[in-house]
Amino acid sequence: MSSPAETSNPQPKPAQTGFDPLEFWLLHQKKILALAALFVVALIGYTLFTINESRTKAAAEAAYAAAKTPDDFRKVAQDYSGQPPAGNAQLQLAALLRDEGKLDEANATLRKFISQNPEHPMLSGAWLALAENAEAAGKQDDALTGYQKVLTTFPGSYAAPLAMLGQGRVQKAKGQNDLAKRTYEQIQAQYQGSPFQMEAMQELRSLNKP
C-alpha cells in the first residue's frame, strides 16, 4: 500500500524532445518559402543563361563557317568575343592578312588573339605565326626568338616541330651552319617517320654538300 507522500506527489513526466515537423514549419515557414522562391529564381536564371549560351555558341559557329573575307572574320571576332569561334576567326583573319602582305596588321591581330585567349588550344600556333611573319619580313633575330619561344613554352604542341624547322632555316640564313645541323639532327631524332624528319634530312644534305 502506497504512503500518503507517494500518492500526493506524483513524478513529473519527462519533456518531449523529439523533432516536430509541424511546429518547425509554423516557426520557419516564411524563411522556408523565401529560400524556395530564391532557389526557383536562380534555377530559372541558370536555365535561361544556359539556353542563351547554347544559342550564342551555335550562332558563332555558323557565322565562322560562313565567313570568307577579312571583314567577315573581323565581324565574327567582334560580335562573338569570348566564344571559341571568335578566337578561330582572329587566327584566320591573321592568315588572310599575311597572304595579302599586311604583316603589321596580321601581327596586331595575332597579339590581340594571344592576349584575349590565353587558354586557346591554338595558342602555340599564334606564337608560331608571329615568328613566321618575322622571318618573312627578314627580321631574323625576332624570328629566331619567336621560334625558340614556341619550343620552350609549347614543347609538346603541334607547332613545336614547325618551330624547330623554322629555327633551322633562320640559323642557316644567318650562316650558323653548325647550329642549323644540330637543329635538323634533333628533328630527325625526335620526329622519326614523320614529314618533319624527311624535310630535316633534305636540309642536312644541302648543308653537308661541299
N, C-alpha and C. Protein backbone atom coordinates (compact mmCIF):
# COMPACT_ATOMS: atom_id res chain seq x y z
N MET A 1 0.85 -1.20 0.00
CA MET A 1 0.00 0.00 0.00
C MET A 1 0.87 1.23 0.00
N SER A 2 0.52 2.27 -0.86
CA SER A 2 1.38 3.45 -1.03
C SER A 2 1.22 4.38 0.14
N SER A 3 2.31 5.06 0.42
CA SER A 3 2.30 6.06 1.50
C SER A 3 1.61 7.30 1.01
N PRO A 4 1.13 8.16 1.94
CA PRO A 4 0.48 9.41 1.52
C PRO A 4 1.37 10.30 0.69
N ALA A 5 2.71 10.32 0.99
CA ALA A 5 3.63 11.18 0.24
C ALA A 5 3.71 10.74 -1.21
N GLU A 6 3.67 9.41 -1.41
CA GLU A 6 3.81 8.91 -2.77
C GLU A 6 2.58 9.23 -3.59
N THR A 7 1.40 9.18 -2.97
CA THR A 7 0.17 9.43 -3.74
C THR A 7 -0.09 10.91 -3.96
N SER A 8 0.38 11.76 -3.09
CA SER A 8 0.11 13.20 -3.24
C SER A 8 1.13 13.91 -4.09
N ASN A 9 2.30 13.31 -4.36
CA ASN A 9 3.36 13.96 -5.16
C ASN A 9 3.81 13.04 -6.31
N PRO A 10 2.99 12.94 -7.35
CA PRO A 10 3.38 12.07 -8.48
C PRO A 10 4.60 12.62 -9.21
N GLN A 11 5.42 11.74 -9.79
CA GLN A 11 6.62 12.16 -10.53
C GLN A 11 6.21 12.87 -11.83
N PRO A 12 6.89 14.02 -12.16
CA PRO A 12 6.56 14.73 -13.42
C PRO A 12 6.97 13.91 -14.63
N LYS A 13 6.20 14.01 -15.73
CA LYS A 13 6.53 13.32 -16.98
C LYS A 13 7.71 14.03 -17.65
N PRO A 14 8.66 13.27 -18.22
CA PRO A 14 9.80 13.91 -18.91
C PRO A 14 9.31 14.69 -20.13
N ALA A 15 9.98 15.83 -20.39
CA ALA A 15 9.61 16.69 -21.53
C ALA A 15 9.93 15.98 -22.84
N GLN A 16 9.06 16.16 -23.84
CA GLN A 16 9.27 15.56 -25.14
C GLN A 16 10.34 16.36 -25.90
N THR A 17 11.35 15.67 -26.39
CA THR A 17 12.46 16.33 -27.09
C THR A 17 12.53 15.95 -28.56
N GLY A 18 11.60 15.18 -29.10
CA GLY A 18 11.62 14.77 -30.50
C GLY A 18 11.32 15.93 -31.44
N PHE A 19 11.73 15.78 -32.75
CA PHE A 19 11.52 16.81 -33.76
C PHE A 19 10.07 16.80 -34.21
N ASP A 20 9.44 17.97 -34.18
CA ASP A 20 8.03 18.11 -34.59
C ASP A 20 7.99 18.88 -35.90
N PRO A 21 7.77 18.22 -37.04
CA PRO A 21 7.76 18.91 -38.33
C PRO A 21 6.74 20.03 -38.40
N LEU A 22 5.57 19.82 -37.85
CA LEU A 22 4.53 20.85 -37.91
C LEU A 22 4.96 22.09 -37.15
N GLU A 23 5.51 21.88 -35.96
CA GLU A 23 5.96 23.03 -35.17
C GLU A 23 7.09 23.77 -35.88
N PHE A 24 8.01 23.00 -36.51
CA PHE A 24 9.12 23.62 -37.24
C PHE A 24 8.60 24.45 -38.41
N TRP A 25 7.61 23.89 -39.11
CA TRP A 25 7.02 24.61 -40.25
C TRP A 25 6.35 25.90 -39.80
N LEU A 26 5.59 25.84 -38.72
CA LEU A 26 4.91 27.04 -38.23
C LEU A 26 5.91 28.11 -37.80
N LEU A 27 7.02 27.68 -37.25
CA LEU A 27 8.02 28.65 -36.78
C LEU A 27 8.83 29.25 -37.93
N HIS A 28 9.09 28.45 -38.98
CA HIS A 28 10.05 28.90 -40.01
C HIS A 28 9.46 28.95 -41.41
N GLN A 29 8.15 28.95 -41.54
CA GLN A 29 7.56 28.87 -42.87
C GLN A 29 7.93 30.06 -43.75
N LYS A 30 8.04 31.26 -43.19
CA LYS A 30 8.39 32.43 -44.01
C LYS A 30 9.80 32.30 -44.59
N LYS A 31 10.75 31.85 -43.76
CA LYS A 31 12.12 31.68 -44.24
C LYS A 31 12.20 30.58 -45.29
N ILE A 32 11.47 29.50 -45.05
CA ILE A 32 11.49 28.38 -45.99
C ILE A 32 10.91 28.80 -47.33
N LEU A 33 9.80 29.52 -47.30
CA LEU A 33 9.19 29.98 -48.55
C LEU A 33 10.09 30.96 -49.29
N ALA A 34 10.77 31.83 -48.54
CA ALA A 34 11.67 32.80 -49.17
C ALA A 34 12.85 32.09 -49.84
N LEU A 35 13.42 31.10 -49.15
CA LEU A 35 14.54 30.35 -49.73
C LEU A 35 14.09 29.55 -50.95
N ALA A 36 12.89 28.97 -50.87
CA ALA A 36 12.37 28.23 -52.01
C ALA A 36 12.18 29.14 -53.21
N ALA A 37 11.69 30.36 -52.96
CA ALA A 37 11.49 31.32 -54.05
C ALA A 37 12.82 31.71 -54.68
N LEU A 38 13.83 31.92 -53.83
CA LEU A 38 15.16 32.26 -54.34
C LEU A 38 15.73 31.12 -55.19
N PHE A 39 15.53 29.90 -54.74
CA PHE A 39 16.03 28.75 -55.49
C PHE A 39 15.36 28.66 -56.86
N VAL A 40 14.04 28.88 -56.89
CA VAL A 40 13.32 28.83 -58.16
C VAL A 40 13.81 29.91 -59.11
N VAL A 41 14.01 31.12 -58.58
CA VAL A 41 14.51 32.22 -59.40
C VAL A 41 15.90 31.90 -59.95
N ALA A 42 16.77 31.36 -59.08
CA ALA A 42 18.13 31.01 -59.52
C ALA A 42 18.10 29.91 -60.57
N LEU A 43 17.23 28.93 -60.39
CA LEU A 43 17.12 27.84 -61.35
C LEU A 43 16.64 28.34 -62.71
N ILE A 44 15.65 29.22 -62.69
CA ILE A 44 15.14 29.80 -63.94
C ILE A 44 16.24 30.61 -64.62
N GLY A 45 16.96 31.41 -63.82
CA GLY A 45 18.04 32.22 -64.38
C GLY A 45 19.13 31.38 -65.01
N TYR A 46 19.50 30.31 -64.32
CA TYR A 46 20.54 29.42 -64.86
C TYR A 46 20.08 28.75 -66.14
N THR A 47 18.83 28.32 -66.17
CA THR A 47 18.29 27.68 -67.37
C THR A 47 18.29 28.63 -68.55
N LEU A 48 17.85 29.86 -68.32
CA LEU A 48 17.84 30.86 -69.39
C LEU A 48 19.25 31.17 -69.87
N PHE A 49 20.19 31.26 -68.91
CA PHE A 49 21.58 31.53 -69.27
C PHE A 49 22.14 30.40 -70.14
N THR A 50 21.85 29.16 -69.75
CA THR A 50 22.36 28.02 -70.50
C THR A 50 21.79 27.99 -71.91
N ILE A 51 20.50 28.27 -72.02
CA ILE A 51 19.86 28.29 -73.34
C ILE A 51 20.47 29.39 -74.21
N ASN A 52 20.63 30.57 -73.62
CA ASN A 52 21.20 31.69 -74.36
C ASN A 52 22.64 31.41 -74.77
N GLU A 53 23.41 30.79 -73.86
CA GLU A 53 24.80 30.47 -74.17
C GLU A 53 24.87 29.47 -75.32
N SER A 54 23.99 28.49 -75.32
CA SER A 54 23.98 27.49 -76.39
C SER A 54 23.62 28.14 -77.73
N ARG A 55 22.65 29.03 -77.69
CA ARG A 55 22.25 29.71 -78.93
C ARG A 55 23.38 30.60 -79.44
N THR A 56 24.05 31.30 -78.53
CA THR A 56 25.15 32.18 -78.93
C THR A 56 26.28 31.37 -79.54
N LYS A 57 26.61 30.25 -78.91
CA LYS A 57 27.67 29.40 -79.43
C LYS A 57 27.33 28.87 -80.81
N ALA A 58 26.08 28.43 -80.99
CA ALA A 58 25.65 27.92 -82.29
C ALA A 58 25.71 29.02 -83.35
N ALA A 59 25.29 30.22 -82.98
CA ALA A 59 25.32 31.34 -83.93
C ALA A 59 26.76 31.70 -84.28
N ALA A 60 27.65 31.67 -83.30
CA ALA A 60 29.07 31.99 -83.54
C ALA A 60 29.69 30.97 -84.48
N GLU A 61 29.37 29.69 -84.27
CA GLU A 61 29.92 28.64 -85.12
C GLU A 61 29.39 28.77 -86.55
N ALA A 62 28.12 29.11 -86.68
CA ALA A 62 27.54 29.29 -88.01
C ALA A 62 28.16 30.48 -88.73
N ALA A 63 28.35 31.57 -88.00
CA ALA A 63 28.95 32.77 -88.60
C ALA A 63 30.39 32.50 -89.03
N TYR A 64 31.12 31.76 -88.22
CA TYR A 64 32.51 31.43 -88.57
C TYR A 64 32.57 30.55 -89.81
N ALA A 65 31.67 29.56 -89.87
CA ALA A 65 31.64 28.65 -91.01
C ALA A 65 31.31 29.39 -92.31
N ALA A 66 30.51 30.45 -92.20
CA ALA A 66 30.09 31.20 -93.40
C ALA A 66 31.08 32.29 -93.79
N ALA A 67 32.01 32.64 -92.91
CA ALA A 67 32.94 33.74 -93.16
C ALA A 67 33.92 33.37 -94.28
N LYS A 68 34.21 34.35 -95.12
CA LYS A 68 35.14 34.14 -96.24
C LYS A 68 36.20 35.23 -96.32
N THR A 69 35.80 36.47 -96.10
CA THR A 69 36.70 37.61 -96.31
C THR A 69 37.24 38.10 -94.96
N PRO A 70 38.30 38.93 -95.00
CA PRO A 70 38.80 39.52 -93.76
C PRO A 70 37.73 40.25 -92.97
N ASP A 71 36.86 40.97 -93.66
CA ASP A 71 35.79 41.68 -92.96
C ASP A 71 34.82 40.71 -92.28
N ASP A 72 34.56 39.59 -92.93
CA ASP A 72 33.69 38.57 -92.32
C ASP A 72 34.29 38.07 -91.00
N PHE A 73 35.57 37.76 -91.03
CA PHE A 73 36.22 37.23 -89.83
C PHE A 73 36.34 38.31 -88.74
N ARG A 74 36.54 39.55 -89.15
CA ARG A 74 36.55 40.65 -88.17
C ARG A 74 35.20 40.73 -87.45
N LYS A 75 34.14 40.58 -88.22
CA LYS A 75 32.80 40.68 -87.63
C LYS A 75 32.55 39.53 -86.66
N VAL A 76 32.97 38.32 -87.01
CA VAL A 76 32.80 37.18 -86.11
C VAL A 76 33.56 37.43 -84.81
N ALA A 77 34.80 37.90 -84.93
CA ALA A 77 35.62 38.15 -83.75
C ALA A 77 35.02 39.23 -82.86
N GLN A 78 34.40 40.24 -83.49
CA GLN A 78 33.81 41.35 -82.73
C GLN A 78 32.47 40.97 -82.11
N ASP A 79 31.63 40.30 -82.88
CA ASP A 79 30.26 40.01 -82.42
C ASP A 79 30.20 38.89 -81.39
N TYR A 80 31.18 37.99 -81.42
CA TYR A 80 31.12 36.82 -80.54
C TYR A 80 32.37 36.71 -79.67
N SER A 81 32.83 37.85 -79.21
CA SER A 81 34.02 37.88 -78.35
C SER A 81 33.83 36.97 -77.13
N GLY A 82 34.84 36.16 -76.85
CA GLY A 82 34.75 35.23 -75.73
C GLY A 82 34.35 33.83 -76.12
N GLN A 83 33.78 33.68 -77.32
CA GLN A 83 33.41 32.36 -77.83
C GLN A 83 34.60 31.77 -78.61
N PRO A 84 34.79 30.44 -78.57
CA PRO A 84 35.89 29.83 -79.33
C PRO A 84 35.92 30.21 -80.81
N PRO A 85 34.78 30.28 -81.51
CA PRO A 85 34.84 30.67 -82.92
C PRO A 85 35.41 32.07 -83.13
N ALA A 86 35.27 32.95 -82.14
CA ALA A 86 35.84 34.29 -82.27
C ALA A 86 37.36 34.22 -82.31
N GLY A 87 37.94 33.38 -81.45
CA GLY A 87 39.39 33.20 -81.49
C GLY A 87 39.84 32.58 -82.80
N ASN A 88 39.10 31.58 -83.27
CA ASN A 88 39.44 30.97 -84.56
C ASN A 88 39.36 31.99 -85.69
N ALA A 89 38.39 32.89 -85.60
CA ALA A 89 38.24 33.91 -86.62
C ALA A 89 39.44 34.86 -86.63
N GLN A 90 39.97 35.18 -85.45
CA GLN A 90 41.15 36.04 -85.38
C GLN A 90 42.35 35.37 -86.04
N LEU A 91 42.52 34.08 -85.81
CA LEU A 91 43.63 33.36 -86.44
C LEU A 91 43.47 33.32 -87.96
N GLN A 92 42.25 33.07 -88.42
CA GLN A 92 42.01 33.02 -89.86
C GLN A 92 42.22 34.40 -90.48
N LEU A 93 41.79 35.43 -89.77
CA LEU A 93 41.99 36.80 -90.25
C LEU A 93 43.48 37.10 -90.38
N ALA A 94 44.27 36.70 -89.38
CA ALA A 94 45.71 36.94 -89.42
C ALA A 94 46.35 36.23 -90.61
N ALA A 95 45.88 35.02 -90.91
CA ALA A 95 46.42 34.27 -92.04
C ALA A 95 46.09 34.97 -93.37
N LEU A 96 44.87 35.48 -93.50
CA LEU A 96 44.48 36.19 -94.73
C LEU A 96 45.27 37.48 -94.88
N LEU A 97 45.47 38.20 -93.78
CA LEU A 97 46.24 39.44 -93.85
C LEU A 97 47.69 39.17 -94.24
N ARG A 98 48.23 38.08 -93.72
CA ARG A 98 49.60 37.72 -94.10
C ARG A 98 49.67 37.39 -95.59
N ASP A 99 48.69 36.66 -96.11
CA ASP A 99 48.67 36.33 -97.53
C ASP A 99 48.59 37.59 -98.39
N GLU A 100 47.97 38.62 -97.85
CA GLU A 100 47.86 39.89 -98.57
C GLU A 100 49.10 40.77 -98.39
N GLY A 101 50.07 40.27 -97.62
CA GLY A 101 51.29 41.04 -97.39
C GLY A 101 51.16 42.08 -96.30
N LYS A 102 50.06 42.05 -95.55
CA LYS A 102 49.83 43.03 -94.48
C LYS A 102 50.33 42.46 -93.16
N LEU A 103 51.66 42.37 -93.04
CA LEU A 103 52.25 41.69 -91.89
C LEU A 103 52.01 42.43 -90.59
N ASP A 104 52.04 43.75 -90.63
CA ASP A 104 51.82 44.51 -89.39
C ASP A 104 50.40 44.28 -88.86
N GLU A 105 49.41 44.30 -89.76
CA GLU A 105 48.03 44.05 -89.33
C GLU A 105 47.87 42.61 -88.84
N ALA A 106 48.53 41.69 -89.54
CA ALA A 106 48.46 40.29 -89.13
C ALA A 106 49.05 40.11 -87.73
N ASN A 107 50.19 40.75 -87.49
CA ASN A 107 50.83 40.63 -86.17
C ASN A 107 49.97 41.25 -85.07
N ALA A 108 49.35 42.39 -85.38
CA ALA A 108 48.47 43.02 -84.38
C ALA A 108 47.29 42.10 -84.04
N THR A 109 46.75 41.44 -85.07
CA THR A 109 45.64 40.51 -84.84
C THR A 109 46.09 39.32 -84.01
N LEU A 110 47.27 38.80 -84.29
CA LEU A 110 47.79 37.66 -83.53
C LEU A 110 48.03 38.03 -82.07
N ARG A 111 48.60 39.20 -81.84
CA ARG A 111 48.86 39.62 -80.46
C ARG A 111 47.56 39.84 -79.69
N LYS A 112 46.56 40.36 -80.37
CA LYS A 112 45.25 40.53 -79.73
C LYS A 112 44.66 39.17 -79.38
N PHE A 113 44.79 38.22 -80.29
CA PHE A 113 44.31 36.86 -80.03
C PHE A 113 45.02 36.27 -78.81
N ILE A 114 46.32 36.43 -78.73
CA ILE A 114 47.10 35.87 -77.62
C ILE A 114 46.66 36.47 -76.29
N SER A 115 46.42 37.77 -76.26
CA SER A 115 46.03 38.42 -75.01
C SER A 115 44.61 38.06 -74.59
N GLN A 116 43.74 37.80 -75.56
CA GLN A 116 42.33 37.52 -75.25
C GLN A 116 42.04 36.03 -75.06
N ASN A 117 42.95 35.17 -75.50
CA ASN A 117 42.67 33.73 -75.46
C ASN A 117 43.85 32.96 -74.87
N PRO A 118 44.17 33.20 -73.59
CA PRO A 118 45.35 32.56 -73.00
C PRO A 118 45.25 31.05 -72.85
N GLU A 119 44.04 30.49 -72.96
CA GLU A 119 43.85 29.05 -72.83
C GLU A 119 43.43 28.39 -74.14
N HIS A 120 43.48 29.12 -75.23
CA HIS A 120 43.01 28.58 -76.51
C HIS A 120 43.94 27.46 -76.98
N PRO A 121 43.37 26.35 -77.52
CA PRO A 121 44.22 25.24 -77.98
C PRO A 121 45.15 25.61 -79.13
N MET A 122 44.87 26.71 -79.82
CA MET A 122 45.71 27.13 -80.94
C MET A 122 46.70 28.24 -80.53
N LEU A 123 46.91 28.42 -79.25
CA LEU A 123 47.80 29.48 -78.78
C LEU A 123 49.21 29.31 -79.33
N SER A 124 49.71 28.08 -79.32
CA SER A 124 51.06 27.84 -79.85
C SER A 124 51.14 28.22 -81.33
N GLY A 125 50.04 28.00 -82.06
CA GLY A 125 50.02 28.36 -83.47
C GLY A 125 50.11 29.86 -83.69
N ALA A 126 49.54 30.64 -82.78
CA ALA A 126 49.62 32.09 -82.89
C ALA A 126 51.06 32.56 -82.70
N TRP A 127 51.74 32.00 -81.70
CA TRP A 127 53.16 32.36 -81.50
C TRP A 127 54.00 31.92 -82.69
N LEU A 128 53.71 30.75 -83.24
CA LEU A 128 54.42 30.28 -84.42
C LEU A 128 54.22 31.23 -85.60
N ALA A 129 52.98 31.68 -85.80
CA ALA A 129 52.68 32.59 -86.90
C ALA A 129 53.43 33.91 -86.74
N LEU A 130 53.56 34.41 -85.51
CA LEU A 130 54.33 35.63 -85.30
C LEU A 130 55.78 35.44 -85.71
N ALA A 131 56.35 34.29 -85.36
CA ALA A 131 57.74 34.01 -85.74
C ALA A 131 57.87 33.89 -87.26
N GLU A 132 56.92 33.23 -87.90
CA GLU A 132 56.96 33.08 -89.35
C GLU A 132 56.83 34.43 -90.04
N ASN A 133 55.99 35.30 -89.49
CA ASN A 133 55.85 36.64 -90.07
C ASN A 133 57.15 37.42 -89.94
N ALA A 134 57.82 37.28 -88.81
CA ALA A 134 59.11 37.96 -88.64
C ALA A 134 60.13 37.43 -89.64
N GLU A 135 60.12 36.12 -89.86
CA GLU A 135 61.03 35.53 -90.85
C GLU A 135 60.72 36.05 -92.25
N ALA A 136 59.43 36.12 -92.58
CA ALA A 136 59.03 36.62 -93.89
C ALA A 136 59.42 38.08 -94.09
N ALA A 137 59.46 38.83 -93.00
CA ALA A 137 59.83 40.26 -93.07
C ALA A 137 61.34 40.45 -93.04
N GLY A 138 62.10 39.37 -92.94
CA GLY A 138 63.56 39.48 -92.91
C GLY A 138 64.12 39.83 -91.54
N LYS A 139 63.28 39.74 -90.52
CA LYS A 139 63.73 40.04 -89.15
C LYS A 139 64.19 38.74 -88.50
N GLN A 140 65.42 38.36 -88.82
CA GLN A 140 65.90 37.04 -88.43
C GLN A 140 66.01 36.86 -86.92
N ASP A 141 66.49 37.87 -86.23
CA ASP A 141 66.63 37.75 -84.77
C ASP A 141 65.26 37.60 -84.10
N ASP A 142 64.29 38.41 -84.56
CA ASP A 142 62.94 38.30 -83.99
C ASP A 142 62.33 36.94 -84.31
N ALA A 143 62.57 36.46 -85.52
CA ALA A 143 62.04 35.16 -85.91
C ALA A 143 62.65 34.06 -85.05
N LEU A 144 63.97 34.11 -84.85
CA LEU A 144 64.64 33.09 -84.05
C LEU A 144 64.12 33.10 -82.61
N THR A 145 63.94 34.30 -82.06
CA THR A 145 63.39 34.42 -80.71
C THR A 145 61.98 33.84 -80.65
N GLY A 146 61.18 34.09 -81.67
CA GLY A 146 59.81 33.58 -81.71
C GLY A 146 59.76 32.07 -81.79
N TYR A 147 60.61 31.48 -82.63
CA TYR A 147 60.63 30.02 -82.74
C TYR A 147 61.08 29.38 -81.42
N GLN A 148 62.05 29.98 -80.80
CA GLN A 148 62.53 29.44 -79.52
C GLN A 148 61.47 29.60 -78.42
N LYS A 149 60.65 30.64 -78.52
CA LYS A 149 59.53 30.83 -77.59
C LYS A 149 58.56 29.65 -77.70
N VAL A 150 58.25 29.25 -78.91
CA VAL A 150 57.35 28.11 -79.12
C VAL A 150 57.96 26.84 -78.56
N LEU A 151 59.25 26.64 -78.81
CA LEU A 151 59.91 25.40 -78.38
C LEU A 151 60.01 25.29 -76.87
N THR A 152 60.20 26.41 -76.19
CA THR A 152 60.33 26.36 -74.73
C THR A 152 58.98 26.37 -74.02
N THR A 153 58.00 27.07 -74.58
CA THR A 153 56.70 27.21 -73.93
C THR A 153 55.73 26.10 -74.32
N PHE A 154 55.82 25.62 -75.56
CA PHE A 154 54.88 24.60 -76.05
C PHE A 154 55.66 23.43 -76.67
N PRO A 155 56.51 22.78 -75.90
CA PRO A 155 57.37 21.73 -76.48
C PRO A 155 56.61 20.52 -77.00
N GLY A 156 55.42 20.26 -76.47
CA GLY A 156 54.66 19.10 -76.91
C GLY A 156 53.56 19.41 -77.90
N SER A 157 53.51 20.63 -78.39
CA SER A 157 52.43 21.05 -79.28
C SER A 157 52.71 20.67 -80.72
N TYR A 158 51.66 20.78 -81.56
CA TYR A 158 51.83 20.52 -82.98
C TYR A 158 52.75 21.54 -83.63
N ALA A 159 52.87 22.72 -82.99
CA ALA A 159 53.69 23.79 -83.55
C ALA A 159 55.18 23.60 -83.30
N ALA A 160 55.54 22.72 -82.36
CA ALA A 160 56.95 22.57 -81.97
C ALA A 160 57.84 22.11 -83.13
N PRO A 161 57.50 21.04 -83.87
CA PRO A 161 58.38 20.65 -84.99
C PRO A 161 58.47 21.70 -86.08
N LEU A 162 57.36 22.43 -86.31
CA LEU A 162 57.39 23.51 -87.29
C LEU A 162 58.31 24.64 -86.83
N ALA A 163 58.27 24.93 -85.52
CA ALA A 163 59.16 25.95 -84.97
C ALA A 163 60.61 25.52 -85.06
N MET A 164 60.87 24.22 -84.88
CA MET A 164 62.24 23.72 -84.97
C MET A 164 62.76 23.82 -86.40
N LEU A 165 61.90 23.50 -87.36
CA LEU A 165 62.29 23.69 -88.76
C LEU A 165 62.56 25.15 -89.06
N GLY A 166 61.72 26.02 -88.53
CA GLY A 166 61.93 27.45 -88.72
C GLY A 166 63.24 27.91 -88.10
N GLN A 167 63.53 27.40 -86.92
CA GLN A 167 64.80 27.75 -86.27
C GLN A 167 65.98 27.33 -87.14
N GLY A 168 65.91 26.13 -87.71
CA GLY A 168 66.97 25.67 -88.59
C GLY A 168 67.13 26.57 -89.82
N ARG A 169 66.00 26.98 -90.40
CA ARG A 169 66.05 27.86 -91.58
C ARG A 169 66.75 29.17 -91.25
N VAL A 170 66.37 29.76 -90.12
CA VAL A 170 66.95 31.05 -89.74
C VAL A 170 68.43 30.90 -89.44
N GLN A 171 68.79 29.84 -88.74
CA GLN A 171 70.22 29.61 -88.44
C GLN A 171 71.02 29.45 -89.73
N LYS A 172 70.45 28.74 -90.68
CA LYS A 172 71.12 28.56 -91.97
C LYS A 172 71.25 29.90 -92.69
N ALA A 173 70.17 30.70 -92.68
CA ALA A 173 70.19 32.00 -93.34
C ALA A 173 71.20 32.96 -92.69
N LYS A 174 71.43 32.79 -91.39
CA LYS A 174 72.39 33.64 -90.68
C LYS A 174 73.82 33.11 -90.82
N GLY A 175 73.98 32.02 -91.54
CA GLY A 175 75.31 31.45 -91.71
C GLY A 175 75.77 30.60 -90.54
N GLN A 176 74.84 30.25 -89.65
CA GLN A 176 75.17 29.44 -88.47
C GLN A 176 74.94 27.96 -88.81
N ASN A 177 75.77 27.46 -89.73
CA ASN A 177 75.52 26.13 -90.27
C ASN A 177 75.64 25.02 -89.23
N ASP A 178 76.60 25.15 -88.31
CA ASP A 178 76.75 24.11 -87.29
C ASP A 178 75.51 24.03 -86.40
N LEU A 179 74.98 25.21 -86.02
CA LEU A 179 73.76 25.24 -85.21
C LEU A 179 72.58 24.67 -86.00
N ALA A 180 72.50 25.02 -87.28
CA ALA A 180 71.42 24.52 -88.12
C ALA A 180 71.49 23.00 -88.22
N LYS A 181 72.70 22.45 -88.39
CA LYS A 181 72.85 21.00 -88.47
C LYS A 181 72.35 20.33 -87.20
N ARG A 182 72.71 20.91 -86.04
CA ARG A 182 72.26 20.32 -84.77
C ARG A 182 70.75 20.37 -84.64
N THR A 183 70.16 21.45 -85.13
CA THR A 183 68.70 21.56 -85.08
C THR A 183 68.05 20.49 -85.94
N TYR A 184 68.55 20.30 -87.16
CA TYR A 184 67.97 19.30 -88.05
C TYR A 184 68.22 17.88 -87.55
N GLU A 185 69.36 17.66 -86.93
CA GLU A 185 69.63 16.34 -86.34
C GLU A 185 68.67 16.06 -85.18
N GLN A 186 68.35 17.10 -84.43
CA GLN A 186 67.40 16.93 -83.33
C GLN A 186 66.01 16.60 -83.86
N ILE A 187 65.63 17.24 -84.96
CA ILE A 187 64.33 16.93 -85.58
C ILE A 187 64.29 15.47 -86.02
N GLN A 188 65.37 15.01 -86.64
CA GLN A 188 65.42 13.62 -87.08
C GLN A 188 65.26 12.65 -85.91
N ALA A 189 65.89 12.99 -84.78
CA ALA A 189 65.83 12.10 -83.62
C ALA A 189 64.45 12.11 -82.96
N GLN A 190 63.81 13.28 -82.91
CA GLN A 190 62.55 13.42 -82.18
C GLN A 190 61.32 13.04 -83.01
N TYR A 191 61.40 13.20 -84.32
CA TYR A 191 60.20 13.03 -85.14
C TYR A 191 60.44 11.99 -86.24
N GLN A 192 60.93 10.83 -85.83
CA GLN A 192 61.22 9.77 -86.79
C GLN A 192 59.94 9.29 -87.47
N GLY A 193 60.07 9.07 -88.76
CA GLY A 193 58.94 8.57 -89.54
C GLY A 193 57.92 9.63 -89.91
N SER A 194 58.23 10.89 -89.66
CA SER A 194 57.28 11.97 -89.95
C SER A 194 57.78 12.80 -91.12
N PRO A 195 56.90 13.62 -91.72
CA PRO A 195 57.35 14.54 -92.77
C PRO A 195 58.41 15.51 -92.27
N PHE A 196 58.40 15.81 -90.98
CA PHE A 196 59.41 16.72 -90.43
C PHE A 196 60.80 16.09 -90.52
N GLN A 197 60.88 14.80 -90.29
CA GLN A 197 62.16 14.11 -90.41
C GLN A 197 62.66 14.16 -91.85
N MET A 198 61.76 13.95 -92.81
CA MET A 198 62.16 13.97 -94.21
C MET A 198 62.68 15.34 -94.61
N GLU A 199 62.01 16.39 -94.18
CA GLU A 199 62.45 17.74 -94.51
C GLU A 199 63.80 18.04 -93.87
N ALA A 200 63.98 17.59 -92.62
CA ALA A 200 65.25 17.80 -91.94
C ALA A 200 66.38 17.07 -92.67
N MET A 201 66.11 15.88 -93.17
CA MET A 201 67.12 15.12 -93.93
C MET A 201 67.54 15.88 -95.18
N GLN A 202 66.58 16.45 -95.88
CA GLN A 202 66.89 17.21 -97.09
C GLN A 202 67.74 18.43 -96.76
N GLU A 203 67.40 19.11 -95.67
CA GLU A 203 68.18 20.29 -95.27
C GLU A 203 69.61 19.89 -94.88
N LEU A 204 69.74 18.78 -94.19
CA LEU A 204 71.07 18.31 -93.80
C LEU A 204 71.92 17.98 -95.03
N ARG A 205 71.30 17.38 -96.06
CA ARG A 205 72.04 17.06 -97.27
C ARG A 205 72.57 18.34 -97.91
N SER A 206 71.72 19.36 -97.93
CA SER A 206 72.16 20.62 -98.56
C SER A 206 73.27 21.29 -97.74
N LEU A 207 73.23 21.13 -96.43
CA LEU A 207 74.27 21.72 -95.60
C LEU A 207 75.58 20.95 -95.68
N ASN A 208 75.49 19.66 -95.96
CA ASN A 208 76.69 18.82 -95.99
C ASN A 208 77.36 18.80 -97.37
N LYS A 209 76.71 19.43 -98.36
CA LYS A 209 77.33 19.47 -99.69
C LYS A 209 78.60 20.33 -99.63
N PRO A 210 79.64 19.93 -100.37
CA PRO A 210 80.88 20.72 -100.37
C PRO A 210 80.64 22.12 -100.91
